[in-house]
C-alpha atoms as a PDB file:
ATOM      1  CA  MET A   1      47.278 -22.666  13.644  1.00  0.00           C
ATOM      2  CA  SER A   2      49.842 -20.170  15.646  1.00  0.00           C
ATOM      3  CA  ALA A   3      48.726 -16.786  16.764  1.00  0.00           C
ATOM      4  CA  GLY A   4      50.818 -15.076  14.131  1.00  0.00           C
ATOM      5  CA  ALA A   5      49.742 -17.133  11.095  1.00  0.00           C
ATOM      6  CA  ALA A   6      47.526 -15.853   8.469  1.00  0.00           C
ATOM      7  CA  ARG A   7      45.299 -17.820   6.071  1.00  0.00           C
ATOM      8  CA  ALA A   8      45.258 -17.430   2.558  1.00  0.00           C
ATOM      9  CA  PRO A   9      42.366 -15.878   0.870  1.00  0.00           C
ATOM     10  CA  GLY A  10      41.291 -18.933  -0.591  1.00  0.00           C
ATOM     11  CA  ASP A  11      41.649 -21.124   2.181  1.00  0.00           C
ATOM     12  CA  ARG A  12      38.296 -22.959   3.053  1.00  0.00           C
ATOM     13  CA  SER A  13      38.922 -22.939   6.456  1.00  0.00           C
ATOM     14  CA  LEU A  14      37.757 -19.417   6.898  1.00  0.00           C
ATOM     15  CA  VAL A  15      34.776 -18.578   8.494  1.00  0.00           C
ATOM     16  CA  PRO A  16      32.269 -18.343   5.553  1.00  0.00           C
ATOM     17  CA  ALA A  17      30.149 -15.467   7.114  1.00  0.00           C
ATOM     18  CA  VAL A  18      33.342 -13.149   7.330  1.00  0.00           C
ATOM     19  CA  THR A  19      34.159 -14.022   3.703  1.00  0.00           C
ATOM     20  CA  ARG A  20      30.842 -13.429   2.597  1.00  0.00           C
ATOM     21  CA  ALA A  21      30.637 -10.133   4.451  1.00  0.00           C
ATOM     22  CA  ALA A  22      33.932  -8.996   3.011  1.00  0.00           C
ATOM     23  CA  ALA A  23      32.427  -9.825  -0.393  1.00  0.00           C
ATOM     24  CA  ILE A  24      29.567  -7.690   0.085  1.00  0.00           C
ATOM     25  CA  LEU A  25      31.394  -4.690   1.355  1.00  0.00           C
ATOM     26  CA  ASP A  26      33.760  -4.919  -1.745  1.00  0.00           C
ATOM     27  CA  LEU A  27      30.592  -5.130  -4.113  1.00  0.00           C
ATOM     28  CA  VAL A  28      28.777  -2.237  -2.291  1.00  0.00           C
ATOM     29  CA  ALA A  29      31.984  -0.121  -2.222  1.00  0.00           C
ATOM     30  CA  GLY A  30      32.521  -0.800  -6.057  1.00  0.00           C
ATOM     31  CA  SER A  31      28.934   0.414  -6.796  1.00  0.00           C
ATOM     32  CA  SER A  32      27.966   3.737  -7.459  1.00  0.00           C
ATOM     33  CA  ASP A  33      24.319   3.205  -6.642  1.00  0.00           C
ATOM     34  CA  ALA A  34      22.779   1.871  -3.325  1.00  0.00           C
ATOM     35  CA  LEU A  35      22.371  -1.714  -3.628  1.00  0.00           C
ATOM     36  CA  GLY A  36      19.381  -3.670  -2.193  1.00  0.00           C
ATOM     37  CA  VAL A  37      19.403  -7.448  -0.846  1.00  0.00           C
ATOM     38  CA  SER A  38      18.331  -8.948  -3.881  1.00  0.00           C
ATOM     39  CA  ALA A  39      21.032  -6.988  -6.390  1.00  0.00           C
ATOM     40  CA  ILE A  40      23.577  -8.139  -3.619  1.00  0.00           C
ATOM     41  CA  ALA A  41      22.517 -11.874  -3.497  1.00  0.00           C
ATOM     42  CA  ARG A  42      22.071 -12.032  -7.305  1.00  0.00           C
ATOM     43  CA  ALA A  43      25.551 -10.532  -7.816  1.00  0.00           C
ATOM     44  CA  LEU A  44      27.120 -12.685  -5.385  1.00  0.00           C
ATOM     45  CA  GLY A  45      25.047 -16.111  -5.917  1.00  0.00           C
ATOM     46  CA  LEU A  46      24.000 -15.918  -2.294  1.00  0.00           C
ATOM     47  CA  PRO A  47      20.549 -16.603  -0.559  1.00  0.00           C
ATOM     48  CA  LYS A  48      18.789 -13.461  -0.021  1.00  0.00           C
ATOM     49  CA  SER A  49      18.151 -14.614   3.666  1.00  0.00           C
ATOM     50  CA  SER A  50      21.911 -14.789   4.212  1.00  0.00           C
ATOM     51  CA  VAL A  51      22.437 -11.431   2.737  1.00  0.00           C
ATOM     52  CA  ALA A  52      19.830  -9.700   4.729  1.00  0.00           C
ATOM     53  CA  ASN A  53      21.206 -11.086   7.965  1.00  0.00           C
ATOM     54  CA  LEU A  54      24.742 -10.225   6.897  1.00  0.00           C
ATOM     55  CA  CYS A  55      23.748  -6.687   5.783  1.00  0.00           C
ATOM     56  CA  GLY A  56      21.899  -6.184   8.940  1.00  0.00           C
ATOM     57  CA  ALA A  57      25.049  -7.119  11.195  1.00  0.00           C
ATOM     58  CA  LEU A  58      27.181  -4.787   9.006  1.00  0.00           C
ATOM     59  CA  VAL A  59      24.601  -1.844   9.659  1.00  0.00           C
ATOM     60  CA  ASP A  60      24.844  -2.641  13.290  1.00  0.00           C
ATOM     61  CA  ALA A  61      28.791  -2.329  13.236  1.00  0.00           C
ATOM     62  CA  GLY A  62      28.489   0.813  11.409  1.00  0.00           C
ATOM     63  CA  MET A  63      30.166  -0.770   8.244  1.00  0.00           C
ATOM     64  CA  LEU A  64      27.014  -0.338   6.155  1.00  0.00           C
ATOM     65  CA  ARG A  65      24.097   2.031   6.025  1.00  0.00           C
ATOM     66  CA  VAL A  66      20.779   2.216   4.352  1.00  0.00           C
ATOM     67  CA  ARG A  67      20.332   4.985   1.817  1.00  0.00           C
ATOM     68  CA  GLY A  68      18.076   5.498  -1.273  1.00  0.00           C
ATOM     69  CA  GLY A  69      16.459   1.903  -0.765  1.00  0.00           C
ATOM     70  CA  GLY A  70      19.874   0.141  -0.594  1.00  0.00           C
ATOM     71  CA  PHE A  71      22.961  -0.250   1.100  1.00  0.00           C
ATOM     72  CA  ARG A  72      26.029   2.182   1.081  1.00  0.00           C
ATOM     73  CA  LEU A  73      29.190   1.901   3.006  1.00  0.00           C
ATOM     74  CA  GLY A  74      28.920   3.298   6.548  1.00  0.00           C
ATOM     75  CA  PRO A  75      31.150   5.597   8.527  1.00  0.00           C
ATOM     76  CA  ARG A  76      33.373   2.700   9.566  1.00  0.00           C
END
């Protein structure tokens, strides 16, 4: 693939972790309440361990923050 080419959103060759992280961010952004790992995993049909690892990485990156026993959007 050339440097300027973009992949379609449904393209299976995308990195799964990035796709899952984007889904987590979309879910949290659309929720009026803080969401816990179990709620996120259930809503997205993902393993809780994967969600916990991804949320931890998103917190470290400032994209999520822990609030009220769950996750909310972070400053980034």
